[in-house]
Amino acid sequence: MNAYTINFDSIFTITDKQFYQLCTNNPELVLERNRKGELIIMSPTGGETGKKNAELIVEFGIWNRQKKLGYIFDSSTCFRLPMGSNRSPDVAYIKKERWDKLTEEEKIKFPPIAPDFVLELMSNTDSLKMLQEKMAEYMESGVKLGWLINPDKKEVEIYRQGKEKKILSNPNSLSGEEILPDFVLDLGLIWE
């Protein structure tokens, strides 16, 4: 299970509309597009990663139901980022007032908005370098806070808008800071 990148530059450029159509015509594929316009075909996750992703969504969902400050999105949601890429973070959060400014059509298709927060959970088939490049795209697109969690190494890379990334080794928890007020993720759910 690997991700494959295909560069069509010498043949044609895939437009936003064509990418959306490609994804809707092939719902069994997990597709993304980086800022260079390259198509990324990703494999589905394995059982352990899927289980951890589900735990993450539950934790964020509970917090969001209590706070009602915005919306949580799962890994099936593809965002059209300002830098031209189409990305699907494992968990994303967008403040209510920003989401509500989108048109109904924008909300239904691939929303043209950078989330306020993203989380990527590294699986054993992911490339750390590719995930770090993805996190850089998020930050350059306006994401304010991002977490790249590596369960095998028990490390977390924290990305903040306009700041150097910070790497934590075997932390017990993560704070959502001002982006996710009062949110604390117990990493025992992931390190198990």
N, C-alpha and C. Protein backbone atom coordinates (compact mmCIF):
# COMPACT_ATOMS: atom_id res chain seq x y z
N MET A 1 0.84 -1.18 0.00
CA MET A 1 0.00 0.00 0.00
C MET A 1 0.88 1.24 0.00
N ASN A 2 0.95 1.92 -1.12
CA ASN A 2 1.77 3.12 -1.28
C ASN A 2 0.98 4.22 -1.95
N ALA A 3 1.55 5.41 -1.95
CA ALA A 3 0.99 6.52 -2.71
C ALA A 3 1.81 6.67 -3.97
N TYR A 4 1.14 6.96 -5.07
CA TYR A 4 1.82 7.15 -6.34
C TYR A 4 1.52 8.55 -6.85
N THR A 5 2.54 9.23 -7.36
CA THR A 5 2.39 10.57 -7.90
C THR A 5 2.57 10.51 -9.41
N ILE A 6 1.62 11.12 -10.13
CA ILE A 6 1.66 11.14 -11.59
C ILE A 6 1.72 12.59 -12.04
N ASN A 7 2.73 12.91 -12.87
CA ASN A 7 2.91 14.25 -13.40
C ASN A 7 2.45 14.26 -14.86
N PHE A 8 1.41 15.04 -15.15
CA PHE A 8 0.85 15.13 -16.50
C PHE A 8 1.34 16.38 -17.24
N ASP A 9 2.30 17.13 -16.68
CA ASP A 9 2.72 18.41 -17.24
C ASP A 9 3.03 18.38 -18.73
N SER A 10 3.70 17.34 -19.19
CA SER A 10 4.09 17.30 -20.61
C SER A 10 2.89 17.04 -21.53
N ILE A 11 1.76 16.62 -20.95
CA ILE A 11 0.59 16.29 -21.75
C ILE A 11 -0.50 17.34 -21.60
N PHE A 12 -0.89 17.64 -20.35
CA PHE A 12 -1.95 18.61 -20.08
C PHE A 12 -1.95 18.97 -18.60
N THR A 13 -2.75 19.97 -18.28
CA THR A 13 -2.94 20.38 -16.89
C THR A 13 -4.38 20.06 -16.50
N ILE A 14 -4.55 19.43 -15.35
CA ILE A 14 -5.88 19.10 -14.87
C ILE A 14 -6.46 20.32 -14.16
N THR A 15 -7.60 20.79 -14.63
CA THR A 15 -8.26 21.95 -14.00
C THR A 15 -8.98 21.50 -12.73
N ASP A 16 -9.42 22.46 -11.93
CA ASP A 16 -10.18 22.15 -10.73
C ASP A 16 -11.44 21.37 -11.08
N LYS A 17 -12.13 21.80 -12.12
CA LYS A 17 -13.35 21.13 -12.54
C LYS A 17 -13.07 19.70 -12.99
N GLN A 18 -12.00 19.50 -13.75
CA GLN A 18 -11.63 18.15 -14.21
C GLN A 18 -11.23 17.26 -13.04
N PHE A 19 -10.50 17.82 -12.07
CA PHE A 19 -10.11 17.03 -10.91
C PHE A 19 -11.34 16.59 -10.13
N TYR A 20 -12.27 17.50 -9.93
CA TYR A 20 -13.50 17.15 -9.23
C TYR A 20 -14.25 16.05 -9.97
N GLN A 21 -14.35 16.17 -11.28
CA GLN A 21 -15.05 15.16 -12.09
C GLN A 21 -14.32 13.81 -12.03
N LEU A 22 -13.00 13.85 -12.08
CA LEU A 22 -12.19 12.63 -11.98
C LEU A 22 -12.47 11.90 -10.65
N CYS A 23 -12.54 12.67 -9.58
CA CYS A 23 -12.81 12.08 -8.26
C CYS A 23 -14.22 11.52 -8.16
N THR A 24 -15.20 12.25 -8.67
CA THR A 24 -16.58 11.77 -8.60
C THR A 24 -16.82 10.58 -9.53
N ASN A 25 -16.08 10.51 -10.63
CA ASN A 25 -16.21 9.36 -11.54
C ASN A 25 -15.50 8.12 -11.02
N ASN A 26 -14.59 8.30 -10.05
CA ASN A 26 -13.80 7.19 -9.51
C ASN A 26 -13.85 7.20 -7.99
N PRO A 27 -15.03 7.04 -7.39
CA PRO A 27 -15.16 7.17 -5.93
C PRO A 27 -14.38 6.11 -5.14
N GLU A 28 -13.99 5.04 -5.80
CA GLU A 28 -13.23 3.99 -5.11
C GLU A 28 -11.76 4.37 -4.93
N LEU A 29 -11.31 5.43 -5.62
CA LEU A 29 -9.92 5.89 -5.50
C LEU A 29 -9.79 7.01 -4.48
N VAL A 30 -8.66 7.05 -3.81
CA VAL A 30 -8.35 8.15 -2.90
C VAL A 30 -7.35 9.02 -3.65
N LEU A 31 -7.81 10.20 -4.10
CA LEU A 31 -6.99 11.08 -4.92
C LEU A 31 -6.75 12.41 -4.25
N GLU A 32 -5.55 12.94 -4.45
CA GLU A 32 -5.21 14.30 -4.06
C GLU A 32 -4.42 14.91 -5.21
N ARG A 33 -4.20 16.22 -5.13
CA ARG A 33 -3.40 16.91 -6.13
C ARG A 33 -2.53 17.91 -5.38
N ASN A 34 -1.21 17.86 -5.62
CA ASN A 34 -0.33 18.81 -4.94
C ASN A 34 -0.29 20.14 -5.68
N ARG A 35 0.44 21.10 -5.13
CA ARG A 35 0.46 22.44 -5.71
C ARG A 35 1.12 22.49 -7.07
N LYS A 36 1.90 21.47 -7.42
CA LYS A 36 2.51 21.39 -8.76
C LYS A 36 1.52 20.85 -9.79
N GLY A 37 0.34 20.44 -9.32
CA GLY A 37 -0.67 19.89 -10.22
C GLY A 37 -0.53 18.39 -10.42
N GLU A 38 0.41 17.76 -9.72
CA GLU A 38 0.60 16.32 -9.85
C GLU A 38 -0.53 15.58 -9.14
N LEU A 39 -0.99 14.53 -9.75
CA LEU A 39 -2.05 13.70 -9.21
C LEU A 39 -1.43 12.68 -8.26
N ILE A 40 -1.98 12.55 -7.07
CA ILE A 40 -1.49 11.61 -6.08
C ILE A 40 -2.57 10.57 -5.84
N ILE A 41 -2.23 9.31 -6.13
CA ILE A 41 -3.15 8.20 -5.90
C ILE A 41 -2.71 7.52 -4.62
N MET A 42 -3.57 7.54 -3.63
CA MET A 42 -3.21 7.01 -2.32
C MET A 42 -3.96 5.71 -2.05
N SER A 43 -3.32 4.85 -1.29
CA SER A 43 -3.99 3.61 -0.92
C SER A 43 -4.86 3.85 0.32
N PRO A 44 -5.88 3.01 0.49
CA PRO A 44 -6.67 3.13 1.72
C PRO A 44 -5.80 2.78 2.94
N THR A 45 -6.24 3.18 4.11
CA THR A 45 -5.47 2.88 5.32
C THR A 45 -5.72 1.44 5.76
N GLY A 46 -4.81 0.93 6.55
CA GLY A 46 -4.97 -0.38 7.15
C GLY A 46 -5.83 -0.29 8.41
N GLY A 47 -6.06 -1.42 9.03
CA GLY A 47 -6.95 -1.48 10.18
C GLY A 47 -6.52 -0.65 11.37
N GLU A 48 -5.25 -0.72 11.74
CA GLU A 48 -4.79 0.03 12.92
C GLU A 48 -4.90 1.53 12.70
N THR A 49 -4.50 2.00 11.52
CA THR A 49 -4.61 3.43 11.24
C THR A 49 -6.07 3.86 11.19
N GLY A 50 -6.92 3.05 10.57
CA GLY A 50 -8.35 3.36 10.52
C GLY A 50 -8.97 3.45 11.89
N LYS A 51 -8.56 2.56 12.78
CA LYS A 51 -9.06 2.57 14.16
C LYS A 51 -8.64 3.85 14.88
N LYS A 52 -7.38 4.24 14.69
CA LYS A 52 -6.88 5.45 15.33
C LYS A 52 -7.54 6.70 14.75
N ASN A 53 -7.74 6.71 13.43
CA ASN A 53 -8.43 7.84 12.80
C ASN A 53 -9.84 7.98 13.37
N ALA A 54 -10.52 6.86 13.57
CA ALA A 54 -11.88 6.91 14.13
C ALA A 54 -11.86 7.49 15.54
N GLU A 55 -10.89 7.09 16.35
CA GLU A 55 -10.78 7.63 17.71
C GLU A 55 -10.56 9.15 17.67
N LEU A 56 -9.72 9.60 16.72
CA LEU A 56 -9.47 11.03 16.60
C LEU A 56 -10.75 11.79 16.25
N ILE A 57 -11.50 11.28 15.28
CA ILE A 57 -12.74 11.94 14.87
C ILE A 57 -13.72 12.01 16.04
N VAL A 58 -13.80 10.94 16.83
CA VAL A 58 -14.70 10.95 18.00
C VAL A 58 -14.29 12.05 18.97
N GLU A 59 -12.98 12.13 19.28
CA GLU A 59 -12.50 13.13 20.24
C GLU A 59 -12.80 14.56 19.75
N PHE A 60 -12.49 14.82 18.49
CA PHE A 60 -12.76 16.16 17.94
C PHE A 60 -14.26 16.42 17.86
N GLY A 61 -15.03 15.41 17.51
CA GLY A 61 -16.48 15.56 17.41
C GLY A 61 -17.13 15.90 18.74
N ILE A 62 -16.69 15.23 19.80
CA ILE A 62 -17.24 15.51 21.14
C ILE A 62 -16.93 16.95 21.53
N TRP A 63 -15.67 17.34 21.34
CA TRP A 63 -15.28 18.73 21.66
C TRP A 63 -16.13 19.72 20.86
N ASN A 64 -16.29 19.45 19.57
CA ASN A 64 -17.01 20.37 18.69
C ASN A 64 -18.50 20.47 19.06
N ARG A 65 -19.08 19.37 19.47
CA ARG A 65 -20.50 19.42 19.88
C ARG A 65 -20.68 20.29 21.12
N GLN A 66 -19.70 20.26 22.00
CA GLN A 66 -19.78 21.06 23.21
C GLN A 66 -19.53 22.54 22.92
N LYS A 67 -18.55 22.84 22.09
CA LYS A 67 -18.15 24.23 21.83
C LYS A 67 -18.99 24.91 20.75
N LYS A 68 -19.39 24.16 19.73
CA LYS A 68 -20.20 24.71 18.62
C LYS A 68 -19.56 25.95 17.98
N LEU A 69 -18.22 25.90 17.79
CA LEU A 69 -17.50 27.04 17.22
C LEU A 69 -17.24 26.89 15.73
N GLY A 70 -17.41 25.67 15.22
CA GLY A 70 -17.10 25.43 13.82
C GLY A 70 -17.50 24.03 13.40
N TYR A 71 -16.75 23.49 12.44
CA TYR A 71 -17.10 22.19 11.87
C TYR A 71 -15.86 21.31 11.77
N ILE A 72 -16.06 20.01 12.02
CA ILE A 72 -15.01 19.01 11.93
C ILE A 72 -15.23 18.22 10.64
N PHE A 73 -14.13 17.90 9.95
CA PHE A 73 -14.19 17.15 8.70
C PHE A 73 -13.27 15.94 8.79
N ASP A 74 -13.70 14.84 8.17
CA ASP A 74 -12.89 13.62 8.20
C ASP A 74 -11.99 13.53 6.97
N SER A 75 -11.28 12.41 6.87
CA SER A 75 -10.28 12.23 5.81
C SER A 75 -10.88 12.07 4.42
N SER A 76 -12.18 11.94 4.31
CA SER A 76 -12.81 11.83 2.99
C SER A 76 -13.07 13.21 2.37
N THR A 77 -12.87 14.28 3.14
CA THR A 77 -13.14 15.62 2.65
C THR A 77 -11.91 16.18 1.94
N CYS A 78 -12.11 16.61 0.71
CA CYS A 78 -11.02 17.20 -0.08
C CYS A 78 -11.23 18.70 -0.14
N PHE A 79 -10.21 19.46 0.26
CA PHE A 79 -10.26 20.92 0.24
C PHE A 79 -9.44 21.43 -0.94
N ARG A 80 -9.98 22.41 -1.66
CA ARG A 80 -9.25 23.08 -2.74
C ARG A 80 -8.54 24.26 -2.10
N LEU A 81 -7.23 24.12 -1.91
CA LEU A 81 -6.46 25.12 -1.19
C LEU A 81 -6.05 26.28 -2.11
N PRO A 82 -5.82 27.46 -1.54
CA PRO A 82 -5.48 28.64 -2.33
C PRO A 82 -4.24 28.48 -3.21
N MET A 83 -3.31 27.62 -2.83
CA MET A 83 -2.08 27.44 -3.61
C MET A 83 -2.31 26.53 -4.83
N GLY A 84 -3.56 26.04 -5.00
CA GLY A 84 -3.88 25.22 -6.16
C GLY A 84 -3.92 23.73 -5.91
N SER A 85 -3.60 23.30 -4.71
CA SER A 85 -3.63 21.86 -4.43
C SER A 85 -5.01 21.45 -3.92
N ASN A 86 -5.26 20.15 -3.97
CA ASN A 86 -6.48 19.54 -3.42
C ASN A 86 -6.02 18.53 -2.39
N ARG A 87 -6.31 18.78 -1.13
CA ARG A 87 -5.79 17.94 -0.05
C ARG A 87 -6.90 17.48 0.88
N SER A 88 -6.68 16.27 1.45
CA SER A 88 -7.63 15.64 2.37
C SER A 88 -6.92 15.29 3.67
N PRO A 89 -6.92 16.19 4.64
CA PRO A 89 -6.29 15.85 5.93
C PRO A 89 -7.11 14.80 6.66
N ASP A 90 -6.48 14.08 7.57
CA ASP A 90 -7.19 13.05 8.34
C ASP A 90 -8.27 13.68 9.22
N VAL A 91 -7.98 14.84 9.78
CA VAL A 91 -8.96 15.61 10.55
C VAL A 91 -8.75 17.08 10.18
N ALA A 92 -9.85 17.80 10.00
CA ALA A 92 -9.76 19.24 9.73
C ALA A 92 -10.85 19.96 10.53
N TYR A 93 -10.59 21.21 10.81
CA TYR A 93 -11.54 22.05 11.53
C TYR A 93 -11.57 23.42 10.86
N ILE A 94 -12.79 23.93 10.67
CA ILE A 94 -12.98 25.28 10.12
C ILE A 94 -13.95 26.03 11.03
N LYS A 95 -13.57 27.25 11.39
CA LYS A 95 -14.44 28.08 12.22
C LYS A 95 -15.75 28.34 11.49
N LYS A 96 -16.82 28.38 12.26
CA LYS A 96 -18.17 28.54 11.73
C LYS A 96 -18.31 29.76 10.83
N GLU A 97 -17.81 30.90 11.25
CA GLU A 97 -17.98 32.12 10.46
C GLU A 97 -17.27 32.05 9.10
N ARG A 98 -16.17 31.34 9.03
CA ARG A 98 -15.47 31.18 7.75
C ARG A 98 -16.24 30.22 6.83
N TRP A 99 -16.70 29.09 7.39
CA TRP A 99 -17.45 28.10 6.61
C TRP A 99 -18.75 28.70 6.08
N ASP A 100 -19.41 29.47 6.92
CA ASP A 100 -20.71 30.04 6.54
C ASP A 100 -20.61 31.06 5.41
N LYS A 101 -19.41 31.56 5.12
CA LYS A 101 -19.22 32.51 4.01
C LYS A 101 -19.18 31.80 2.65
N LEU A 102 -19.00 30.49 2.65
CA LEU A 102 -18.97 29.74 1.39
C LEU A 102 -20.38 29.61 0.81
N THR A 103 -20.48 29.51 -0.49
CA THR A 103 -21.77 29.27 -1.13
C THR A 103 -22.15 27.81 -0.93
N GLU A 104 -23.40 27.50 -1.16
CA GLU A 104 -23.85 26.10 -1.03
C GLU A 104 -23.09 25.20 -2.00
N GLU A 105 -22.87 25.66 -3.22
CA GLU A 105 -22.13 24.85 -4.20
C GLU A 105 -20.70 24.61 -3.74
N GLU A 106 -20.06 25.63 -3.15
CA GLU A 106 -18.69 25.47 -2.65
C GLU A 106 -18.64 24.46 -1.51
N LYS A 107 -19.68 24.45 -0.68
CA LYS A 107 -19.73 23.51 0.44
C LYS A 107 -19.95 22.08 -0.04
N ILE A 108 -20.70 21.91 -1.12
CA ILE A 108 -21.02 20.58 -1.64
C ILE A 108 -19.83 19.96 -2.37
N LYS A 109 -19.15 20.77 -3.18
CA LYS A 109 -18.00 20.25 -3.95
C LYS A 109 -16.77 20.23 -3.05
N PHE A 110 -15.59 20.43 -3.62
CA PHE A 110 -14.37 20.50 -2.81
C PHE A 110 -14.25 21.95 -2.32
N PRO A 111 -14.52 22.18 -1.04
CA PRO A 111 -14.55 23.56 -0.53
C PRO A 111 -13.25 24.32 -0.82
N PRO A 112 -13.37 25.52 -1.41
CA PRO A 112 -12.19 26.33 -1.70
C PRO A 112 -11.76 27.15 -0.49
N ILE A 113 -11.23 26.43 0.49
CA ILE A 113 -10.88 27.08 1.76
C ILE A 113 -9.80 26.26 2.45
N ALA A 114 -8.89 26.95 3.10
CA ALA A 114 -7.89 26.27 3.93
C ALA A 114 -8.47 26.13 5.33
N PRO A 115 -8.48 24.92 5.88
CA PRO A 115 -8.97 24.77 7.26
C PRO A 115 -8.17 25.62 8.24
N ASP A 116 -8.73 25.86 9.40
CA ASP A 116 -8.00 26.55 10.46
C ASP A 116 -7.03 25.59 11.14
N PHE A 117 -7.40 24.31 11.17
CA PHE A 117 -6.59 23.27 11.82
C PHE A 117 -6.62 22.02 10.95
N VAL A 118 -5.47 21.34 10.87
CA VAL A 118 -5.39 20.04 10.19
C VAL A 118 -4.57 19.07 11.03
N LEU A 119 -4.89 17.80 10.88
CA LEU A 119 -4.14 16.73 11.54
C LEU A 119 -3.87 15.66 10.50
N GLU A 120 -2.63 15.21 10.45
CA GLU A 120 -2.25 14.07 9.61
C GLU A 120 -1.71 12.99 10.54
N LEU A 121 -2.28 11.80 10.43
CA LEU A 121 -1.83 10.65 11.21
C LEU A 121 -1.02 9.76 10.28
N MET A 122 0.25 9.62 10.55
CA MET A 122 1.14 8.84 9.69
C MET A 122 0.87 7.36 9.86
N SER A 123 0.69 6.68 8.72
CA SER A 123 0.55 5.22 8.76
C SER A 123 1.88 4.60 8.33
N ASN A 124 2.00 3.29 8.48
CA ASN A 124 3.28 2.64 8.16
C ASN A 124 3.59 2.64 6.67
N THR A 125 2.63 3.01 5.82
CA THR A 125 2.88 3.09 4.38
C THR A 125 3.13 4.52 3.91
N ASP A 126 3.00 5.50 4.81
CA ASP A 126 3.20 6.90 4.44
C ASP A 126 4.69 7.25 4.41
N SER A 127 5.02 8.19 3.56
CA SER A 127 6.37 8.76 3.52
C SER A 127 6.38 10.01 4.40
N LEU A 128 7.29 10.05 5.35
CA LEU A 128 7.39 11.22 6.23
C LEU A 128 7.66 12.48 5.40
N LYS A 129 8.55 12.38 4.43
CA LYS A 129 8.88 13.53 3.59
C LYS A 129 7.64 14.06 2.86
N MET A 130 6.83 13.16 2.30
CA MET A 130 5.62 13.60 1.60
C MET A 130 4.62 14.26 2.55
N LEU A 131 4.50 13.70 3.76
CA LEU A 131 3.58 14.30 4.74
C LEU A 131 4.08 15.67 5.20
N GLN A 132 5.40 15.81 5.35
CA GLN A 132 5.95 17.11 5.74
C GLN A 132 5.74 18.14 4.63
N GLU A 133 5.86 17.72 3.37
CA GLU A 133 5.57 18.62 2.24
C GLU A 133 4.10 19.03 2.25
N LYS A 134 3.23 18.07 2.57
CA LYS A 134 1.80 18.35 2.66
C LYS A 134 1.51 19.35 3.77
N MET A 135 2.17 19.17 4.91
CA MET A 135 1.99 20.10 6.03
C MET A 135 2.48 21.50 5.64
N ALA A 136 3.58 21.58 4.89
CA ALA A 136 4.08 22.88 4.42
C ALA A 136 3.06 23.55 3.50
N GLU A 137 2.42 22.76 2.63
CA GLU A 137 1.36 23.30 1.76
C GLU A 137 0.21 23.86 2.59
N TYR A 138 -0.17 23.13 3.64
CA TYR A 138 -1.25 23.61 4.50
C TYR A 138 -0.88 24.97 5.10
N MET A 139 0.32 25.07 5.65
CA MET A 139 0.74 26.31 6.31
C MET A 139 0.80 27.46 5.31
N GLU A 140 1.35 27.20 4.12
CA GLU A 140 1.45 28.24 3.09
C GLU A 140 0.06 28.65 2.59
N SER A 141 -0.91 27.78 2.74
CA SER A 141 -2.28 28.06 2.29
C SER A 141 -3.11 28.79 3.34
N GLY A 142 -2.57 28.95 4.54
CA GLY A 142 -3.28 29.72 5.57
C GLY A 142 -3.77 28.93 6.76
N VAL A 143 -3.46 27.63 6.83
CA VAL A 143 -3.82 26.84 8.01
C VAL A 143 -3.07 27.43 9.20
N LYS A 144 -3.75 27.56 10.32
CA LYS A 144 -3.14 28.21 11.49
C LYS A 144 -2.41 27.25 12.42
N LEU A 145 -2.90 26.00 12.50
CA LEU A 145 -2.29 25.01 13.39
C LEU A 145 -2.40 23.64 12.74
N GLY A 146 -1.31 22.89 12.76
CA GLY A 146 -1.32 21.54 12.19
C GLY A 146 -0.50 20.59 13.04
N TRP A 147 -1.00 19.36 13.13
CA TRP A 147 -0.29 18.31 13.85
C TRP A 147 -0.01 17.16 12.90
N LEU A 148 1.24 16.73 12.85
CA LEU A 148 1.63 15.52 12.12
C LEU A 148 2.04 14.52 13.19
N ILE A 149 1.21 13.49 13.35
CA ILE A 149 1.42 12.50 14.41
C ILE A 149 2.03 11.24 13.81
N ASN A 150 3.16 10.83 14.37
CA ASN A 150 3.86 9.61 13.94
C ASN A 150 3.78 8.59 15.07
N PRO A 151 2.78 7.68 15.02
CA PRO A 151 2.60 6.72 16.12
C PRO A 151 3.78 5.77 16.33
N ASP A 152 4.44 5.36 15.25
CA ASP A 152 5.56 4.42 15.40
C ASP A 152 6.71 5.01 16.20
N LYS A 153 7.02 6.27 15.97
CA LYS A 153 8.11 6.94 16.69
C LYS A 153 7.63 7.65 17.94
N LYS A 154 6.30 7.71 18.13
CA LYS A 154 5.70 8.47 19.23
C LYS A 154 6.18 9.91 19.21
N GLU A 155 6.11 10.50 18.00
CA GLU A 155 6.50 11.89 17.81
C GLU A 155 5.35 12.69 17.20
N VAL A 156 5.35 13.97 17.52
CA VAL A 156 4.37 14.89 16.94
C VAL A 156 5.12 16.11 16.43
N GLU A 157 4.86 16.45 15.18
CA GLU A 157 5.38 17.69 14.62
C GLU A 157 4.24 18.71 14.68
N ILE A 158 4.50 19.83 15.34
CA ILE A 158 3.49 20.88 15.47
C ILE A 158 3.85 22.02 14.54
N TYR A 159 2.91 22.37 13.69
CA TYR A 159 3.08 23.45 12.72
C TYR A 159 2.16 24.60 13.12
N ARG A 160 2.73 25.80 13.19
CA ARG A 160 1.96 27.00 13.51
C ARG A 160 2.24 28.04 12.44
N GLN A 161 1.23 28.77 12.08
CA GLN A 161 1.34 29.80 11.05
C GLN A 161 2.47 30.78 11.39
N GLY A 162 3.44 30.91 10.48
CA GLY A 162 4.53 31.87 10.63
C GLY A 162 5.60 31.49 11.64
N LYS A 163 5.60 30.24 12.13
CA LYS A 163 6.60 29.83 13.11
C LYS A 163 7.31 28.56 12.64
N GLU A 164 8.46 28.30 13.23
CA GLU A 164 9.19 27.07 12.95
C GLU A 164 8.42 25.89 13.52
N LYS A 165 8.50 24.75 12.83
CA LYS A 165 7.82 23.57 13.37
C LYS A 165 8.52 23.12 14.65
N LYS A 166 7.74 22.52 15.52
CA LYS A 166 8.25 22.03 16.79
C LYS A 166 8.01 20.53 16.82
N ILE A 167 9.01 19.77 17.24
CA ILE A 167 8.88 18.31 17.32
C ILE A 167 8.86 17.90 18.79
N LEU A 168 7.79 17.17 19.17
CA LEU A 168 7.66 16.65 20.52
C LEU A 168 7.88 15.15 20.51
N SER A 169 8.66 14.67 21.46
CA SER A 169 8.93 13.25 21.58
C SER A 169 8.12 12.65 22.71
N ASN A 170 7.25 11.70 22.37
CA ASN A 170 6.42 10.97 23.32
C ASN A 170 5.60 11.87 24.26
N PRO A 171 4.89 12.87 23.72
CA PRO A 171 4.05 13.70 24.60
C PRO A 171 2.82 12.92 25.05
N ASN A 172 2.30 13.28 26.21
CA ASN A 172 1.09 12.63 26.73
C ASN A 172 -0.17 13.21 26.10
N SER A 173 -0.11 14.51 25.77
CA SER A 173 -1.29 15.18 25.23
C SER A 173 -0.87 16.35 24.35
N LEU A 174 -1.85 16.86 23.61
CA LEU A 174 -1.65 18.05 22.77
C LEU A 174 -2.75 19.05 23.07
N SER A 175 -2.39 20.31 23.09
CA SER A 175 -3.36 21.38 23.33
C SER A 175 -3.77 22.00 22.00
N GLY A 176 -5.07 22.27 21.86
CA GLY A 176 -5.58 22.93 20.67
C GLY A 176 -5.30 24.42 20.64
N GLU A 177 -4.66 24.91 21.68
CA GLU A 177 -4.27 26.32 21.78
C GLU A 177 -5.48 27.22 21.54
N GLU A 178 -5.27 28.39 20.93
CA GLU A 178 -6.39 29.31 20.70
C GLU A 178 -7.22 28.93 19.49
N ILE A 179 -6.71 28.03 18.65
CA ILE A 179 -7.44 27.61 17.45
C ILE A 179 -8.57 26.65 17.82
N LEU A 180 -8.31 25.75 18.76
CA LEU A 180 -9.30 24.79 19.26
C LEU A 180 -9.40 25.02 20.78
N PRO A 181 -10.10 26.05 21.21
CA PRO A 181 -10.12 26.42 22.63
C PRO A 181 -10.56 25.27 23.54
N ASP A 182 -9.77 25.03 24.57
CA ASP A 182 -10.04 24.03 25.60
C ASP A 182 -9.95 22.59 25.09
N PHE A 183 -9.48 22.38 23.86
CA PHE A 183 -9.34 21.02 23.35
C PHE A 183 -8.00 20.45 23.79
N VAL A 184 -8.02 19.25 24.35
CA VAL A 184 -6.80 18.53 24.71
C VAL A 184 -6.95 17.11 24.19
N LEU A 185 -5.98 16.70 23.36
CA LEU A 185 -5.99 15.35 22.83
C LEU A 185 -5.10 14.46 23.68
N ASP A 186 -5.68 13.42 24.28
CA ASP A 186 -4.94 12.43 25.03
C ASP A 186 -4.28 11.49 24.03
N LEU A 187 -2.96 11.53 23.94
CA LEU A 187 -2.25 10.73 22.95
C LEU A 187 -2.16 9.26 23.33
N GLY A 188 -2.62 8.90 24.52
CA GLY A 188 -2.70 7.49 24.88
C GLY A 188 -3.59 6.72 23.89
N LEU A 189 -4.55 7.41 23.29
CA LEU A 189 -5.42 6.79 22.28
C LEU A 189 -4.64 6.38 21.04
N ILE A 190 -3.56 7.10 20.75
CA ILE A 190 -2.77 6.87 19.55
C ILE A 190 -1.55 6.01 19.82
N TRP A 191 -0.93 6.18 20.99
CA TRP A 191 0.31 5.45 21.28
C TRP A 191 0.06 3.98 21.60
N GLU A 192 -1.19 3.61 21.92
CA GLU A 192 -1.47 2.22 22.29
C GLU A 192 -1.13 1.27 21.17
